[in-house]
């Protein structure tokens, strides 16, 4: 249980960092340096990052999946996160269907955030596993 909680905290940190970084770049590109985030936006972003971390932790930890099933679980995780973020964004007026470009920009941010966060997590986990395997091999040589 503690391990899942730690994973959730790590994923919350990764999601929130990615959201703020990528969203800031998109805001800068579309609205210039005069763009502003309000307190409600910041709280909503943090809540979404927490929801993403919970969804990720519940769906993708402590399970031995085949590559195909892991891909499907990651896709399901993305779809749930996408729907949640799109719904929140709509009610907070982060995009508008009147300006279809704002919707596509918003969807692009969601896709990039999910991709970057999951790819980074995979890279870190893969690196950790590689180091553990190397250590085990070196211990086997000693015995």
N, C-alpha and C. Protein backbone atom coordinates (compact mmCIF):
# COMPACT_ATOMS: atom_id res chain seq x y z
N UNK A 1 0.83 -1.20 0.00
CA UNK A 1 0.00 0.00 0.00
C UNK A 1 0.87 1.26 0.00
N UNK A 2 1.93 1.22 0.82
CA UNK A 2 2.82 2.38 0.88
C UNK A 2 3.52 2.60 -0.46
N UNK A 3 3.86 1.50 -1.14
CA UNK A 3 4.52 1.61 -2.44
C UNK A 3 3.59 2.27 -3.47
N UNK A 4 2.30 1.91 -3.43
CA UNK A 4 1.34 2.53 -4.36
C UNK A 4 1.20 4.02 -4.05
N UNK A 5 1.18 4.36 -2.77
CA UNK A 5 1.08 5.77 -2.38
C UNK A 5 2.30 6.54 -2.88
N UNK A 6 3.49 5.96 -2.71
CA UNK A 6 4.70 6.61 -3.19
C UNK A 6 4.69 6.76 -4.71
N UNK A 7 4.21 5.73 -5.41
CA UNK A 7 4.08 5.81 -6.86
C UNK A 7 3.12 6.92 -7.25
N UNK A 8 2.03 7.03 -6.52
CA UNK A 8 1.04 8.07 -6.82
C UNK A 8 1.65 9.47 -6.61
N UNK A 9 2.43 9.65 -5.56
CA UNK A 9 3.08 10.94 -5.32
C UNK A 9 4.07 11.26 -6.43
N UNK A 10 4.86 10.27 -6.83
CA UNK A 10 5.82 10.47 -7.92
C UNK A 10 5.09 10.84 -9.21
N UNK A 11 4.02 10.10 -9.52
CA UNK A 11 3.28 10.39 -10.75
C UNK A 11 2.58 11.75 -10.68
N UNK A 12 2.07 12.12 -9.51
CA UNK A 12 1.47 13.46 -9.34
C UNK A 12 2.51 14.53 -9.65
N UNK A 13 3.71 14.35 -9.14
CA UNK A 13 4.79 15.31 -9.39
C UNK A 13 5.12 15.39 -10.87
N UNK A 14 5.21 14.23 -11.51
CA UNK A 14 5.54 14.20 -12.94
C UNK A 14 4.43 14.81 -13.79
N UNK A 15 3.17 14.44 -13.49
CA UNK A 15 2.05 14.99 -14.27
C UNK A 15 1.95 16.50 -14.07
N UNK A 16 2.01 16.97 -12.82
CA UNK A 16 1.86 18.40 -12.58
C UNK A 16 3.00 19.20 -13.22
N UNK A 17 4.22 18.68 -13.12
CA UNK A 17 5.35 19.36 -13.76
C UNK A 17 5.15 19.43 -15.27
N UNK A 18 4.79 18.32 -15.87
CA UNK A 18 4.58 18.29 -17.32
C UNK A 18 3.45 19.22 -17.73
N UNK A 19 2.35 19.22 -16.98
CA UNK A 19 1.22 20.10 -17.32
C UNK A 19 1.66 21.56 -17.27
N UNK A 20 2.28 21.97 -16.17
CA UNK A 20 2.68 23.38 -16.05
C UNK A 20 3.71 23.77 -17.10
N UNK A 21 4.66 22.90 -17.38
CA UNK A 21 5.69 23.21 -18.37
C UNK A 21 5.10 23.33 -19.78
N UNK A 22 4.36 22.32 -20.19
CA UNK A 22 3.82 22.32 -21.56
C UNK A 22 2.73 23.36 -21.72
N UNK A 23 1.87 23.50 -20.72
CA UNK A 23 0.82 24.52 -20.78
C UNK A 23 1.42 25.92 -20.85
N UNK A 24 2.48 26.16 -20.10
CA UNK A 24 3.13 27.47 -20.14
C UNK A 24 3.70 27.76 -21.53
N UNK A 25 4.31 26.76 -22.15
CA UNK A 25 4.84 26.95 -23.49
C UNK A 25 3.74 27.24 -24.50
N UNK A 26 2.62 26.52 -24.39
CA UNK A 26 1.50 26.73 -25.32
C UNK A 26 0.88 28.11 -25.09
N UNK A 27 0.68 28.49 -23.82
CA UNK A 27 0.14 29.81 -23.53
C UNK A 27 1.06 30.91 -24.06
N UNK A 28 2.34 30.73 -23.88
CA UNK A 28 3.31 31.71 -24.37
C UNK A 28 3.24 31.82 -25.89
N UNK A 29 3.09 30.68 -26.56
CA UNK A 29 3.03 30.68 -28.02
C UNK A 29 1.75 31.32 -28.55
N UNK A 30 0.62 31.04 -27.88
CA UNK A 30 -0.67 31.53 -28.39
C UNK A 30 -1.07 32.90 -27.86
N UNK A 31 -0.72 33.21 -26.61
CA UNK A 31 -1.18 34.46 -26.01
C UNK A 31 -0.05 35.41 -25.66
N UNK A 32 1.17 34.98 -25.84
CA UNK A 32 2.31 35.84 -25.54
C UNK A 32 2.60 35.90 -24.06
N UNK A 33 3.52 36.78 -23.72
CA UNK A 33 3.95 36.85 -22.32
C UNK A 33 2.91 37.48 -21.40
N UNK A 34 1.81 37.95 -21.96
CA UNK A 34 0.74 38.55 -21.17
C UNK A 34 -0.27 37.51 -20.65
N UNK A 35 -0.07 36.25 -21.02
CA UNK A 35 -0.99 35.19 -20.60
C UNK A 35 -0.95 35.05 -19.08
N UNK A 36 -2.12 34.70 -18.51
CA UNK A 36 -2.21 34.59 -17.05
C UNK A 36 -2.93 33.30 -16.67
N UNK A 37 -2.50 32.74 -15.55
CA UNK A 37 -3.21 31.63 -14.93
C UNK A 37 -3.82 32.14 -13.64
N UNK A 38 -5.09 31.87 -13.45
CA UNK A 38 -5.77 32.29 -12.24
C UNK A 38 -5.67 31.20 -11.18
N UNK A 39 -5.96 31.54 -9.95
CA UNK A 39 -5.88 30.58 -8.85
C UNK A 39 -6.78 29.37 -9.11
N UNK A 40 -7.96 29.59 -9.69
CA UNK A 40 -8.85 28.46 -9.99
C UNK A 40 -8.23 27.54 -11.04
N UNK A 41 -7.51 28.13 -12.00
CA UNK A 41 -6.83 27.32 -13.01
C UNK A 41 -5.72 26.47 -12.38
N UNK A 42 -4.95 27.09 -11.50
CA UNK A 42 -3.85 26.38 -10.86
C UNK A 42 -4.39 25.24 -9.99
N UNK A 43 -5.43 25.52 -9.22
CA UNK A 43 -6.03 24.47 -8.39
C UNK A 43 -6.63 23.35 -9.24
N UNK A 44 -7.25 23.72 -10.35
CA UNK A 44 -7.81 22.70 -11.24
C UNK A 44 -6.70 21.86 -11.87
N UNK A 45 -5.60 22.49 -12.25
CA UNK A 45 -4.46 21.75 -12.82
C UNK A 45 -3.90 20.78 -11.78
N UNK A 46 -3.74 21.22 -10.55
CA UNK A 46 -3.24 20.33 -9.50
C UNK A 46 -4.22 19.19 -9.23
N UNK A 47 -5.51 19.49 -9.24
CA UNK A 47 -6.52 18.44 -9.05
C UNK A 47 -6.48 17.43 -10.20
N UNK A 48 -6.33 17.93 -11.42
CA UNK A 48 -6.23 17.03 -12.57
C UNK A 48 -4.97 16.19 -12.51
N UNK A 49 -3.86 16.78 -12.09
CA UNK A 49 -2.61 16.01 -11.95
C UNK A 49 -2.79 14.91 -10.92
N UNK A 50 -3.48 15.21 -9.82
CA UNK A 50 -3.74 14.20 -8.80
C UNK A 50 -4.65 13.10 -9.36
N UNK A 51 -5.69 13.49 -10.07
CA UNK A 51 -6.59 12.50 -10.67
C UNK A 51 -5.84 11.62 -11.68
N UNK A 52 -4.99 12.23 -12.48
CA UNK A 52 -4.18 11.46 -13.44
C UNK A 52 -3.27 10.48 -12.72
N UNK A 53 -2.66 10.92 -11.63
CA UNK A 53 -1.77 10.06 -10.86
C UNK A 53 -2.54 8.88 -10.24
N UNK A 54 -3.72 9.16 -9.72
CA UNK A 54 -4.55 8.09 -9.14
C UNK A 54 -4.95 7.09 -10.22
N UNK A 55 -5.42 7.59 -11.35
CA UNK A 55 -5.84 6.70 -12.45
C UNK A 55 -4.65 5.87 -12.92
N UNK A 56 -3.52 6.51 -13.12
CA UNK A 56 -2.32 5.80 -13.56
C UNK A 56 -1.93 4.72 -12.55
N UNK A 57 -1.92 5.08 -11.27
CA UNK A 57 -1.51 4.14 -10.22
C UNK A 57 -2.48 2.96 -10.13
N UNK A 58 -3.77 3.23 -10.24
CA UNK A 58 -4.75 2.15 -10.13
C UNK A 58 -4.70 1.20 -11.33
N UNK A 59 -4.45 1.75 -12.51
CA UNK A 59 -4.50 0.93 -13.72
C UNK A 59 -3.18 0.25 -14.07
N UNK A 60 -2.06 0.88 -13.74
CA UNK A 60 -0.81 0.42 -14.34
C UNK A 60 0.27 -0.02 -13.34
N UNK A 61 -0.05 -0.25 -12.10
CA UNK A 61 0.98 -0.71 -11.17
C UNK A 61 0.65 -2.09 -10.64
N UNK A 62 1.69 -2.77 -10.22
CA UNK A 62 1.59 -4.10 -9.58
C UNK A 62 0.87 -5.14 -10.43
N UNK A 63 1.07 -5.08 -11.71
CA UNK A 63 0.44 -6.07 -12.57
C UNK A 63 1.44 -6.55 -13.61
N UNK A 64 1.40 -7.83 -13.89
CA UNK A 64 2.23 -8.38 -14.96
C UNK A 64 1.35 -8.48 -16.20
N UNK A 65 1.59 -7.56 -17.13
CA UNK A 65 0.81 -7.54 -18.36
C UNK A 65 1.68 -7.99 -19.52
N UNK A 66 1.05 -8.61 -20.49
CA UNK A 66 1.74 -8.82 -21.76
C UNK A 66 1.89 -7.44 -22.40
N UNK A 67 2.75 -7.35 -23.40
CA UNK A 67 2.96 -6.06 -24.06
C UNK A 67 1.67 -5.52 -24.66
N UNK A 68 0.88 -6.43 -25.23
CA UNK A 68 -0.38 -6.02 -25.85
C UNK A 68 -1.36 -5.50 -24.79
N UNK A 69 -1.47 -6.23 -23.69
CA UNK A 69 -2.40 -5.80 -22.64
C UNK A 69 -1.92 -4.53 -21.96
N UNK A 70 -0.59 -4.37 -21.82
CA UNK A 70 -0.05 -3.14 -21.23
C UNK A 70 -0.37 -1.95 -22.12
N UNK A 71 -0.23 -2.12 -23.44
CA UNK A 71 -0.57 -1.05 -24.37
C UNK A 71 -2.05 -0.69 -24.24
N UNK A 72 -2.91 -1.69 -24.17
CA UNK A 72 -4.35 -1.44 -24.02
C UNK A 72 -4.66 -0.73 -22.70
N UNK A 73 -3.98 -1.13 -21.63
CA UNK A 73 -4.20 -0.48 -20.33
C UNK A 73 -3.71 0.98 -20.38
N UNK A 74 -2.59 1.22 -21.04
CA UNK A 74 -2.11 2.60 -21.17
C UNK A 74 -3.07 3.43 -22.03
N UNK A 75 -3.60 2.82 -23.07
CA UNK A 75 -4.57 3.52 -23.91
C UNK A 75 -5.84 3.83 -23.11
N UNK A 76 -6.32 2.87 -22.33
CA UNK A 76 -7.49 3.09 -21.47
C UNK A 76 -7.22 4.21 -20.47
N UNK A 77 -6.04 4.19 -19.89
CA UNK A 77 -5.64 5.23 -18.95
C UNK A 77 -5.67 6.60 -19.65
N UNK A 78 -5.13 6.67 -20.86
CA UNK A 78 -5.13 7.92 -21.61
C UNK A 78 -6.55 8.39 -21.91
N UNK A 79 -7.42 7.47 -22.34
CA UNK A 79 -8.81 7.85 -22.69
C UNK A 79 -9.52 8.41 -21.46
N UNK A 80 -9.36 7.77 -20.32
CA UNK A 80 -10.00 8.25 -19.09
C UNK A 80 -9.48 9.64 -18.73
N UNK A 81 -8.16 9.80 -18.78
CA UNK A 81 -7.56 11.09 -18.48
C UNK A 81 -8.02 12.15 -19.48
N UNK A 82 -8.05 11.80 -20.75
CA UNK A 82 -8.46 12.73 -21.80
C UNK A 82 -9.89 13.23 -21.57
N UNK A 83 -10.79 12.31 -21.31
CA UNK A 83 -12.19 12.69 -21.07
C UNK A 83 -12.30 13.59 -19.83
N UNK A 84 -11.60 13.22 -18.78
CA UNK A 84 -11.63 14.01 -17.55
C UNK A 84 -11.10 15.42 -17.78
N UNK A 85 -9.97 15.53 -18.46
CA UNK A 85 -9.36 16.84 -18.69
C UNK A 85 -10.20 17.67 -19.67
N UNK A 86 -10.71 17.04 -20.72
CA UNK A 86 -11.56 17.77 -21.66
C UNK A 86 -12.82 18.30 -20.98
N UNK A 87 -13.42 17.49 -20.14
CA UNK A 87 -14.63 17.93 -19.42
C UNK A 87 -14.31 19.09 -18.50
N UNK A 88 -13.25 18.96 -17.73
CA UNK A 88 -12.85 20.04 -16.82
C UNK A 88 -12.52 21.30 -17.61
N UNK A 89 -11.75 21.15 -18.68
CA UNK A 89 -11.38 22.29 -19.50
C UNK A 89 -12.58 23.00 -20.11
N UNK A 90 -13.58 22.22 -20.51
CA UNK A 90 -14.78 22.82 -21.09
C UNK A 90 -15.51 23.68 -20.06
N UNK A 91 -15.68 23.14 -18.85
CA UNK A 91 -16.41 23.88 -17.82
C UNK A 91 -15.63 25.07 -17.27
N UNK A 92 -14.32 25.03 -17.39
CA UNK A 92 -13.51 26.17 -16.94
C UNK A 92 -13.14 27.11 -18.09
N UNK A 93 -13.73 26.86 -19.26
CA UNK A 93 -13.52 27.71 -20.45
C UNK A 93 -12.04 27.78 -20.86
N UNK A 94 -11.35 26.66 -20.80
CA UNK A 94 -9.96 26.61 -21.24
C UNK A 94 -9.87 26.48 -22.75
N UNK A 95 -10.95 26.08 -23.36
CA UNK A 95 -11.03 26.01 -24.82
C UNK A 95 -12.47 26.24 -25.22
N UNK A 96 -12.68 26.48 -26.51
CA UNK A 96 -14.03 26.73 -27.00
C UNK A 96 -14.20 26.04 -28.34
N UNK A 97 -15.38 25.48 -28.55
CA UNK A 97 -15.66 24.88 -29.85
C UNK A 97 -15.94 25.95 -30.90
N UNK A 98 -16.20 27.19 -30.45
CA UNK A 98 -16.36 28.29 -31.40
C UNK A 98 -15.03 28.58 -32.10
N UNK A 99 -13.94 28.37 -31.37
CA UNK A 99 -12.59 28.53 -31.91
C UNK A 99 -11.95 27.15 -31.91
N UNK A 100 -12.20 26.41 -32.97
CA UNK A 100 -11.80 25.01 -33.03
C UNK A 100 -10.29 24.83 -32.82
N UNK A 101 -9.53 25.84 -33.18
CA UNK A 101 -8.08 25.78 -32.97
C UNK A 101 -7.73 25.66 -31.49
N UNK A 102 -8.53 26.30 -30.64
CA UNK A 102 -8.27 26.22 -29.19
C UNK A 102 -8.50 24.80 -28.69
N UNK A 103 -9.49 24.12 -29.27
CA UNK A 103 -9.74 22.72 -28.89
C UNK A 103 -8.56 21.85 -29.29
N UNK A 104 -8.09 22.00 -30.52
CA UNK A 104 -6.98 21.18 -30.99
C UNK A 104 -5.69 21.48 -30.21
N UNK A 105 -5.48 22.73 -29.87
CA UNK A 105 -4.31 23.09 -29.05
C UNK A 105 -4.42 22.44 -27.68
N UNK A 106 -5.61 22.49 -27.11
CA UNK A 106 -5.84 21.89 -25.79
C UNK A 106 -5.65 20.38 -25.84
N UNK A 107 -6.20 19.74 -26.85
CA UNK A 107 -6.04 18.29 -27.01
C UNK A 107 -4.57 17.94 -27.22
N UNK A 108 -3.85 18.75 -27.95
CA UNK A 108 -2.42 18.52 -28.16
C UNK A 108 -1.66 18.57 -26.84
N UNK A 109 -2.02 19.51 -25.98
CA UNK A 109 -1.38 19.61 -24.67
C UNK A 109 -1.63 18.33 -23.87
N UNK A 110 -2.86 17.84 -23.90
CA UNK A 110 -3.19 16.61 -23.17
C UNK A 110 -2.36 15.44 -23.69
N UNK A 111 -2.30 15.29 -24.99
CA UNK A 111 -1.56 14.18 -25.60
C UNK A 111 -0.08 14.26 -25.25
N UNK A 112 0.51 15.44 -25.40
CA UNK A 112 1.94 15.60 -25.12
C UNK A 112 2.23 15.36 -23.64
N UNK A 113 1.40 15.90 -22.75
CA UNK A 113 1.61 15.68 -21.31
C UNK A 113 1.56 14.20 -20.97
N UNK A 114 0.56 13.49 -21.46
CA UNK A 114 0.45 12.05 -21.18
C UNK A 114 1.63 11.30 -21.76
N UNK A 115 1.97 11.59 -23.00
CA UNK A 115 3.08 10.89 -23.65
C UNK A 115 4.40 11.14 -22.92
N UNK A 116 4.70 12.39 -22.63
CA UNK A 116 5.95 12.74 -21.95
C UNK A 116 6.02 12.09 -20.57
N UNK A 117 4.93 12.17 -19.82
CA UNK A 117 4.92 11.63 -18.46
C UNK A 117 5.08 10.11 -18.46
N UNK A 118 4.33 9.43 -19.30
CA UNK A 118 4.41 7.97 -19.34
C UNK A 118 5.75 7.51 -19.92
N UNK A 119 6.24 8.19 -20.95
CA UNK A 119 7.53 7.82 -21.54
C UNK A 119 8.67 8.06 -20.54
N UNK A 120 8.62 9.17 -19.83
CA UNK A 120 9.65 9.46 -18.83
C UNK A 120 9.60 8.42 -17.71
N UNK A 121 8.41 8.07 -17.26
CA UNK A 121 8.28 7.06 -16.21
C UNK A 121 8.80 5.71 -16.68
N UNK A 122 8.50 5.36 -17.92
CA UNK A 122 8.99 4.10 -18.48
C UNK A 122 10.52 4.11 -18.53
N UNK A 123 11.09 5.22 -18.96
CA UNK A 123 12.54 5.33 -19.07
C UNK A 123 13.19 5.19 -17.68
N UNK A 124 12.66 5.85 -16.69
CA UNK A 124 13.20 5.77 -15.33
C UNK A 124 13.07 4.34 -14.80
N UNK A 125 11.89 3.73 -14.96
CA UNK A 125 11.67 2.36 -14.49
C UNK A 125 12.58 1.38 -15.22
N UNK A 126 12.76 1.56 -16.51
CA UNK A 126 13.63 0.70 -17.30
C UNK A 126 15.08 0.82 -16.84
N UNK A 127 15.51 2.03 -16.58
CA UNK A 127 16.87 2.27 -16.11
C UNK A 127 17.08 1.63 -14.73
N UNK A 128 16.11 1.77 -13.85
CA UNK A 128 16.20 1.16 -12.52
C UNK A 128 16.27 -0.35 -12.63
N UNK A 129 15.44 -0.94 -13.48
CA UNK A 129 15.45 -2.39 -13.67
C UNK A 129 16.79 -2.85 -14.22
N UNK A 130 17.35 -2.10 -15.14
CA UNK A 130 18.65 -2.46 -15.73
C UNK A 130 19.74 -2.44 -14.66
N UNK A 131 19.74 -1.42 -13.82
CA UNK A 131 20.73 -1.33 -12.74
C UNK A 131 20.57 -2.49 -11.75
N UNK A 132 19.32 -2.83 -11.44
CA UNK A 132 19.07 -3.95 -10.52
C UNK A 132 19.57 -5.26 -11.13
N UNK A 133 19.33 -5.48 -12.41
CA UNK A 133 19.79 -6.69 -13.08
C UNK A 133 21.32 -6.76 -13.11
N UNK A 134 21.97 -5.63 -13.36
CA UNK A 134 23.43 -5.61 -13.36
C UNK A 134 23.99 -5.94 -11.98
N UNK A 135 23.34 -5.40 -10.95
CA UNK A 135 23.78 -5.68 -9.58
C UNK A 135 23.60 -7.15 -9.25
N UNK A 136 22.47 -7.73 -9.67
CA UNK A 136 22.23 -9.16 -9.44
C UNK A 136 23.28 -10.00 -10.15
N UNK A 137 23.63 -9.63 -11.38
CA UNK A 137 24.65 -10.38 -12.13
C UNK A 137 26.00 -10.31 -11.43
N UNK A 138 26.33 -9.12 -10.91
CA UNK A 138 27.61 -8.98 -10.22
C UNK A 138 27.62 -9.78 -8.92
N UNK A 139 26.48 -9.88 -8.24
CA UNK A 139 26.38 -10.69 -7.02
C UNK A 139 26.48 -12.17 -7.34
N UNK A 140 25.94 -12.60 -8.49
CA UNK A 140 26.02 -14.00 -8.89
C UNK A 140 27.46 -14.42 -9.16
N UNK A 141 28.26 -13.50 -9.71
CA UNK A 141 29.66 -13.79 -9.99
C UNK A 141 30.45 -13.97 -8.70
N UNK A 142 30.07 -13.24 -7.67
CA UNK A 142 30.75 -13.34 -6.38
C UNK A 142 30.46 -14.68 -5.71
N UNK A 143 29.22 -15.14 -5.82
CA UNK A 143 28.80 -16.39 -5.18
C UNK A 143 29.25 -17.51 -6.03
